[in-house]
Amino acid sequence: MDAFLTSAALVALAEIGDKTQLLSFVLAARLRKPGAIILGIFVATLLNHALAGSVGVWLAALISPPLLPWVTGLLFIGFGLWALHPDSLDDDPRLHRAGAFVTSAIVFFIAEMGDKTQLATVVLGARFEALAPVVLGTTLGMLAANIPAVLVGEALAQKPMSRAASRRSWPNGKCAPTSATFAHAAPRWSTTRSMSPARPTCQR
């Protein structure tokens, strides 16, 4: 239980501001399928961290027991310093025709390679020498940090566009009339002119 809780807490904290959390936000805003995205993140994280945890357990078997606490301690210190530096998402994720789940799983798995949360899983596997609790804990920590990012990205993508971005034009370049335009375009009577509706205008 100690390995599970420690792994979950450490990875959840490390994932805040990480590039994979930013990736979750971008995927949600572009794909607009939060359920499939979250499932893809879960599968990608489980596979990636199972590999990383296995490497950690294997390294623990190679390092002598007296040296192992020192090695893992130094690695944790280096990992903590690295976590203080926020990541950035350099490129837009490549969308695959197979759908949101496949896109999320592939893109997230690749982005997690060499990431600090993957390296943290290696260190945790070496520290506790228990593969299942570590992998389950790190996966839970990743989901705890990335599910809110997916939900926020989906919510922001549903926001209506601003008035300037949503303004449409007719083919002749004039602004398309809205319901408010028609409401104010009632016929005007004059003693000298015939009835003529008001022309729709744009609010600039």
C-alpha atoms as a PDB file:
ATOM      1  CA  MET A   1       0.000   0.000   0.000  1.00  0.00           C
ATOM      2  CA  ASP A   2       2.899   2.339   0.726  1.00  0.00           C
ATOM      3  CA  ALA A   3       4.280   1.833  -2.785  1.00  0.00           C
ATOM      4  CA  PHE A   4       0.869   2.480  -4.326  1.00  0.00           C
ATOM      5  CA  LEU A   5       0.114   5.683  -2.386  1.00  0.00           C
ATOM      6  CA  THR A   6       3.610   7.111  -2.773  1.00  0.00           C
ATOM      7  CA  SER A   7       3.628   6.419  -6.505  1.00  0.00           C
ATOM      8  CA  ALA A   8       0.206   7.975  -7.014  1.00  0.00           C
ATOM      9  CA  ALA A   9       0.995  11.132  -5.032  1.00  0.00           C
ATOM     10  CA  LEU A  10       4.443  11.677  -6.531  1.00  0.00           C
ATOM     11  CA  VAL A  11       3.379  11.253 -10.154  1.00  0.00           C
ATOM     12  CA  ALA A  12       0.231  13.359  -9.712  1.00  0.00           C
ATOM     13  CA  LEU A  13       2.337  16.248  -8.404  1.00  0.00           C
ATOM     14  CA  ALA A  14       4.969  15.785 -11.109  1.00  0.00           C
ATOM     15  CA  GLU A  15       2.343  15.782 -13.854  1.00  0.00           C
ATOM     16  CA  ILE A  16       1.082  19.277 -12.970  1.00  0.00           C
ATOM     17  CA  GLY A  17       2.364  21.569 -15.731  1.00  0.00           C
ATOM     18  CA  ASP A  18       3.983  18.659 -17.555  1.00  0.00           C
ATOM     19  CA  LYS A  19       3.874  18.474 -21.339  1.00  0.00           C
ATOM     20  CA  THR A  20       1.593  15.439 -21.243  1.00  0.00           C
ATOM     21  CA  GLN A  21      -0.930  17.394 -19.178  1.00  0.00           C
ATOM     22  CA  LEU A  22      -0.785  20.165 -21.780  1.00  0.00           C
ATOM     23  CA  LEU A  23      -1.228  17.483 -24.424  1.00  0.00           C
ATOM     24  CA  SER A  24      -4.382  16.254 -22.673  1.00  0.00           C
ATOM     25  CA  PHE A  25      -5.776  19.779 -22.777  1.00  0.00           C
ATOM     26  CA  VAL A  26      -5.016  20.156 -26.496  1.00  0.00           C
ATOM     27  CA  LEU A  27      -6.455  16.764 -27.404  1.00  0.00           C
ATOM     28  CA  ALA A  28      -9.689  17.551 -25.591  1.00  0.00           C
ATOM     29  CA  ALA A  29     -10.030  20.906 -27.332  1.00  0.00           C
ATOM     30  CA  ARG A  30      -9.394  19.443 -30.789  1.00  0.00           C
ATOM     31  CA  LEU A  31     -11.057  16.023 -30.650  1.00  0.00           C
ATOM     32  CA  ARG A  32     -14.014  16.913 -28.421  1.00  0.00           C
ATOM     33  CA  LYS A  33     -14.437  13.315 -27.167  1.00  0.00           C
ATOM     34  CA  PRO A  34     -13.389  13.301 -23.513  1.00  0.00           C
ATOM     35  CA  GLY A  35     -14.377   9.692 -22.811  1.00  0.00           C
ATOM     36  CA  ALA A  36     -12.274   8.276 -25.640  1.00  0.00           C
ATOM     37  CA  ILE A  37      -9.372  10.585 -24.768  1.00  0.00           C
ATOM     38  CA  ILE A  38      -9.346   9.564 -21.103  1.00  0.00           C
ATOM     39  CA  LEU A  39      -9.470   5.879 -22.078  1.00  0.00           C
ATOM     40  CA  GLY A  40      -6.582   6.409 -24.485  1.00  0.00           C
ATOM     41  CA  ILE A  41      -4.552   8.154 -21.784  1.00  0.00           C
ATOM     42  CA  PHE A  42      -5.256   5.274 -19.393  1.00  0.00           C
ATOM     43  CA  VAL A  43      -4.120   2.593 -21.851  1.00  0.00           C
ATOM     44  CA  ALA A  44      -1.030   4.547 -22.923  1.00  0.00           C
ATOM     45  CA  THR A  45      -0.014   5.269 -19.329  1.00  0.00           C
ATOM     46  CA  LEU A  46      -0.566   1.702 -18.177  1.00  0.00           C
ATOM     47  CA  LEU A  47       1.597   0.262 -20.967  1.00  0.00           C
ATOM     48  CA  ASN A  48       4.285   2.929 -20.707  1.00  0.00           C
ATOM     49  CA  HIS A  49       4.618   2.772 -16.949  1.00  0.00           C
ATOM     50  CA  ALA A  50       4.544  -1.030 -16.926  1.00  0.00           C
ATOM     51  CA  LEU A  51       7.626  -0.867 -19.139  1.00  0.00           C
ATOM     52  CA  ALA A  52       9.238   1.812 -16.969  1.00  0.00           C
ATOM     53  CA  GLY A  53       8.445  -0.002 -13.721  1.00  0.00           C
ATOM     54  CA  SER A  54       9.898  -3.226 -15.102  1.00  0.00           C
ATOM     55  CA  VAL A  55      13.130  -1.415 -15.916  1.00  0.00           C
ATOM     56  CA  GLY A  56      13.227  -0.047 -12.374  1.00  0.00           C
ATOM     57  CA  VAL A  57      12.762  -3.468 -10.789  1.00  0.00           C
ATOM     58  CA  TRP A  58      15.449  -4.882 -13.095  1.00  0.00           C
ATOM     59  CA  LEU A  59      17.898  -2.121 -12.147  1.00  0.00           C
ATOM     60  CA  ALA A  60      17.217  -2.738  -8.460  1.00  0.00           C
ATOM     61  CA  ALA A  61      18.329  -6.321  -8.927  1.00  0.00           C
ATOM     62  CA  LEU A  62      21.623  -5.153 -10.464  1.00  0.00           C
ATOM     63  CA  ILE A  63      22.526  -2.571  -7.805  1.00  0.00           C
ATOM     64  CA  SER A  64      23.896  -3.819  -4.522  1.00  0.00           C
ATOM     65  CA  PRO A  65      21.457  -3.388  -1.591  1.00  0.00           C
ATOM     66  CA  PRO A  66      23.716  -1.003   0.405  1.00  0.00           C
ATOM     67  CA  LEU A  67      23.981   1.371  -2.560  1.00  0.00           C
ATOM     68  CA  LEU A  68      20.360   1.225  -3.674  1.00  0.00           C
ATOM     69  CA  PRO A  69      18.947   3.759  -1.140  1.00  0.00           C
ATOM     70  CA  TRP A  70      21.653   6.265  -2.048  1.00  0.00           C
ATOM     71  CA  VAL A  71      21.118   5.863  -5.768  1.00  0.00           C
ATOM     72  CA  THR A  72      17.356   6.181  -5.544  1.00  0.00           C
ATOM     73  CA  GLY A  73      17.689   9.124  -3.141  1.00  0.00           C
ATOM     74  CA  LEU A  74      19.925  11.038  -5.546  1.00  0.00           C
ATOM     75  CA  LEU A  75      17.593  10.239  -8.401  1.00  0.00           C
ATOM     76  CA  PHE A  76      14.616  11.529  -6.416  1.00  0.00           C
ATOM     77  CA  ILE A  77      16.474  14.782  -5.693  1.00  0.00           C
ATOM     78  CA  GLY A  78      17.303  15.216  -9.370  1.00  0.00           C
ATOM     79  CA  PHE A  79      13.746  14.394 -10.293  1.00  0.00           C
ATOM     80  CA  GLY A  80      12.432  16.998  -7.828  1.00  0.00           C
ATOM     81  CA  LEU A  81      14.661  19.686  -9.324  1.00  0.00           C
ATOM     82  CA  TRP A  82      13.531  18.736 -12.812  1.00  0.00           C
ATOM     83  CA  ALA A  83       9.886  18.913 -11.763  1.00  0.00           C
ATOM     84  CA  LEU A  84      10.350  22.573 -10.798  1.00  0.00           C
ATOM     85  CA  HIS A  85      10.913  23.427 -14.464  1.00  0.00           C
ATOM     86  CA  PRO A  86       7.595  23.626 -16.359  1.00  0.00           C
ATOM     87  CA  ASP A  87       7.390  21.923 -19.731  1.00  0.00           C
ATOM     88  CA  SER A  88       6.013  23.257 -22.987  1.00  0.00           C
ATOM     89  CA  LEU A  89       4.250  21.566 -25.877  1.00  0.00           C
ATOM     90  CA  ASP A  90       6.345  22.289 -28.963  1.00  0.00           C
ATOM     91  CA  ASP A  91       4.302  20.646 -31.714  1.00  0.00           C
ATOM     92  CA  ASP A  92       0.615  20.062 -32.290  1.00  0.00           C
ATOM     93  CA  PRO A  93      -0.402  16.410 -31.862  1.00  0.00           C
ATOM     94  CA  ARG A  94      -0.829  14.446 -35.065  1.00  0.00           C
ATOM     95  CA  LEU A  95      -4.390  13.270 -35.472  1.00  0.00           C
ATOM     96  CA  HIS A  96      -5.000   9.748 -36.753  1.00  0.00           C
ATOM     97  CA  ARG A  97      -7.942   8.640 -38.855  1.00  0.00           C
ATOM     98  CA  ALA A  98      -8.686   5.770 -36.470  1.00  0.00           C
ATOM     99  CA  GLY A  99     -10.366   8.140 -34.024  1.00  0.00           C
ATOM    100  CA  ALA A 100      -9.928   9.907 -30.712  1.00  0.00           C
ATOM    101  CA  PHE A 101      -9.017   6.801 -28.699  1.00  0.00           C
ATOM    102  CA  VAL A 102      -6.235   5.622 -31.017  1.00  0.00           C
ATOM    103  CA  THR A 103      -4.931   9.157 -31.473  1.00  0.00           C
ATOM    104  CA  SER A 104      -4.817   9.788 -27.731  1.00  0.00           C
ATOM    105  CA  ALA A 105      -3.202   6.431 -26.942  1.00  0.00           C
ATOM    106  CA  ILE A 106      -0.477   6.728 -29.591  1.00  0.00           C
ATOM    107  CA  VAL A 107       0.311  10.407 -29.056  1.00  0.00           C
ATOM    108  CA  PHE A 108       0.307  10.099 -25.277  1.00  0.00           C
ATOM    109  CA  PHE A 109       2.485   6.981 -25.263  1.00  0.00           C
ATOM    110  CA  ILE A 110       5.088   8.683 -27.453  1.00  0.00           C
ATOM    111  CA  ALA A 111       4.999  11.912 -25.439  1.00  0.00           C
ATOM    112  CA  GLU A 112       5.530   9.966 -22.210  1.00  0.00           C
ATOM    113  CA  MET A 113       8.748   8.375 -23.487  1.00  0.00           C
ATOM    114  CA  GLY A 114      11.628  10.007 -21.647  1.00  0.00           C
ATOM    115  CA  ASP A 115       9.259  12.253 -19.700  1.00  0.00           C
ATOM    116  CA  LYS A 116       9.894  12.950 -16.018  1.00  0.00           C
ATOM    117  CA  THR A 117       6.865  10.940 -14.940  1.00  0.00           C
ATOM    118  CA  GLN A 118       8.197   7.915 -16.814  1.00  0.00           C
ATOM    119  CA  LEU A 119      11.603   8.326 -15.207  1.00  0.00           C
ATOM    120  CA  ALA A 120       9.907   8.740 -11.838  1.00  0.00           C
ATOM    121  CA  THR A 121       8.218   5.380 -12.426  1.00  0.00           C
ATOM    122  CA  VAL A 122      11.613   3.818 -13.095  1.00  0.00           C
ATOM    123  CA  VAL A 123      12.935   5.204  -9.802  1.00  0.00           C
ATOM    124  CA  LEU A 124       9.819   4.122  -7.910  1.00  0.00           C
ATOM    125  CA  GLY A 125      10.103   0.613  -9.332  1.00  0.00           C
ATOM    126  CA  ALA A 126      13.719   0.458  -8.185  1.00  0.00           C
ATOM    127  CA  ARG A 127      12.864   1.890  -4.789  1.00  0.00           C
ATOM    128  CA  PHE A 128       9.993  -0.427  -3.885  1.00  0.00           C
ATOM    129  CA  GLU A 129      10.823  -3.422  -6.125  1.00  0.00           C
ATOM    130  CA  ALA A 130       7.082  -4.036  -6.496  1.00  0.00           C
ATOM    131  CA  LEU A 131       5.880  -3.706 -10.053  1.00  0.00           C
ATOM    132  CA  ALA A 132       2.085  -3.902  -9.722  1.00  0.00           C
ATOM    133  CA  PRO A 133       1.562  -1.368  -6.891  1.00  0.00           C
ATOM    134  CA  VAL A 134       3.947   1.100  -8.481  1.00  0.00           C
ATOM    135  CA  VAL A 135       2.379   0.914 -11.944  1.00  0.00           C
ATOM    136  CA  LEU A 136      -1.158   1.112 -10.598  1.00  0.00           C
ATOM    137  CA  GLY A 137      -0.199   4.062  -8.404  1.00  0.00           C
ATOM    138  CA  THR A 138       1.558   6.015 -11.157  1.00  0.00           C
ATOM    139  CA  THR A 139      -1.320   5.350 -13.537  1.00  0.00           C
ATOM    140  CA  LEU A 140      -3.797   6.648 -10.979  1.00  0.00           C
ATOM    141  CA  GLY A 141      -1.634   9.718 -10.437  1.00  0.00           C
ATOM    142  CA  MET A 142      -1.543  10.425 -14.173  1.00  0.00           C
ATOM    143  CA  LEU A 143      -5.311  10.121 -14.445  1.00  0.00           C
ATOM    144  CA  ALA A 144      -5.828  12.361 -11.412  1.00  0.00           C
ATOM    145  CA  ALA A 145      -3.803  15.097 -13.100  1.00  0.00           C
ATOM    146  CA  ASN A 146      -4.975  14.636 -16.685  1.00  0.00           C
ATOM    147  CA  ILE A 147      -8.710  14.012 -16.344  1.00  0.00           C
ATOM    148  CA  PRO A 148      -9.308  17.585 -15.100  1.00  0.00           C
ATOM    149  CA  ALA A 149      -7.212  18.878 -18.001  1.00  0.00           C
ATOM    150  CA  VAL A 150      -9.371  16.937 -20.467  1.00  0.00           C
ATOM    151  CA  LEU A 151     -12.593  18.205 -18.905  1.00  0.00           C
ATOM    152  CA  VAL A 152     -11.380  21.811 -18.879  1.00  0.00           C
ATOM    153  CA  GLY A 153     -10.265  21.575 -22.498  1.00  0.00           C
ATOM    154  CA  GLU A 154     -13.629  20.156 -23.517  1.00  0.00           C
ATOM    155  CA  ALA A 155     -15.499  22.857 -21.593  1.00  0.00           C
ATOM    156  CA  LEU A 156     -13.474  25.668 -23.154  1.00  0.00           C
ATOM    157  CA  ALA A 157     -13.956  24.196 -26.627  1.00  0.00           C
ATOM    158  CA  GLN A 158     -17.724  24.434 -26.133  1.00  0.00           C
ATOM    159  CA  LYS A 159     -17.593  28.142 -25.289  1.00  0.00           C
ATOM    160  CA  PRO A 160     -19.240  30.310 -27.955  1.00  0.00           C
ATOM    161  CA  MET A 161     -16.869  32.209 -30.135  1.00  0.00           C
ATOM    162  CA  SER A 162     -16.463  35.887 -29.603  1.00  0.00           C
ATOM    163  CA  ARG A 163     -18.572  38.339 -31.581  1.00  0.00           C
ATOM    164  CA  ALA A 164     -15.681  39.216 -33.843  1.00  0.00           C
ATOM    165  CA  ALA A 165     -14.819  35.588 -34.578  1.00  0.00           C
ATOM    166  CA  SER A 166     -18.425  34.524 -35.152  1.00  0.00           C
ATOM    167  CA  ARG A 167     -19.331  37.424 -37.488  1.00  0.00           C
ATOM    168  CA  ARG A 168     -20.367  36.126 -40.901  1.00  0.00           C
ATOM    169  CA  SER A 169     -20.507  37.932 -44.216  1.00  0.00           C
ATOM    170  CA  TRP A 170     -22.663  37.685 -47.307  1.00  0.00           C
ATOM    171  CA  PRO A 171     -21.010  37.039 -50.668  1.00  0.00           C
ATOM    172  CA  ASN A 172     -21.148  40.760 -51.510  1.00  0.00           C
ATOM    173  CA  GLY A 173     -19.107  41.584 -48.389  1.00  0.00           C
ATOM    174  CA  LYS A 174     -21.993  42.905 -46.298  1.00  0.00           C
ATOM    175  CA  CYS A 175     -22.615  41.474 -42.875  1.00  0.00           C
ATOM    176  CA  ALA A 176     -25.305  38.825 -42.621  1.00  0.00           C
ATOM    177  CA  PRO A 177     -28.381  40.047 -40.762  1.00  0.00           C
ATOM    178  CA  THR A 178     -29.192  38.493 -37.417  1.00  0.00           C
ATOM    179  CA  SER A 179     -32.514  38.037 -35.671  1.00  0.00           C
ATOM    180  CA  ALA A 180     -31.977  41.373 -33.962  1.00  0.00           C
ATOM    181  CA  THR A 181     -31.504  43.012 -37.346  1.00  0.00           C
ATOM    182  CA  PHE A 182     -34.811  41.689 -38.599  1.00  0.00           C
ATOM    183  CA  ALA A 183     -36.494  42.768 -35.381  1.00  0.00           C
ATOM    184  CA  HIS A 184     -35.438  46.374 -35.965  1.00  0.00           C
ATOM    185  CA  ALA A 185     -36.077  46.306 -39.696  1.00  0.00           C
ATOM    186  CA  ALA A 186     -39.786  47.011 -39.389  1.00  0.00           C
ATOM    187  CA  PRO A 187     -41.382  48.991 -42.278  1.00  0.00           C
ATOM    188  CA  ARG A 188     -41.164  52.758 -41.992  1.00  0.00           C
ATOM    189  CA  TRP A 189     -44.000  54.978 -43.294  1.00  0.00           C
ATOM    190  CA  SER A 190     -43.425  58.439 -44.572  1.00  0.00           C
ATOM    191  CA  THR A 191     -45.728  61.045 -46.059  1.00  0.00           C
ATOM    192  CA  THR A 192     -43.347  61.649 -48.943  1.00  0.00           C
ATOM    193  CA  ARG A 193     -41.670  58.269 -49.499  1.00  0.00           C
ATOM    194  CA  SER A 194     -42.890  54.747 -50.030  1.00  0.00           C
ATOM    195  CA  MET A 195     -42.481  51.993 -47.472  1.00  0.00           C
ATOM    196  CA  SER A 196     -38.905  50.695 -47.279  1.00  0.00           C
ATOM    197  CA  PRO A 197     -37.302  48.376 -44.695  1.00  0.00           C
ATOM    198  CA  ALA A 198     -34.222  49.412 -42.835  1.00  0.00           C
ATOM    199  CA  ARG A 199     -30.959  48.013 -44.192  1.00  0.00           C
ATOM    200  CA  PRO A 200     -29.149  45.523 -41.963  1.00  0.00           C
ATOM    201  CA  THR A 201     -25.959  46.896 -40.564  1.00  0.00           C
ATOM    202  CA  CYS A 202     -23.071  45.416 -38.623  1.00  0.00           C
ATOM    203  CA  GLN A 203     -22.120  46.403 -35.126  1.00  0.00           C
ATOM    204  CA  ARG A 204     -18.491  47.248 -35.239  1.00  0.00           C
END
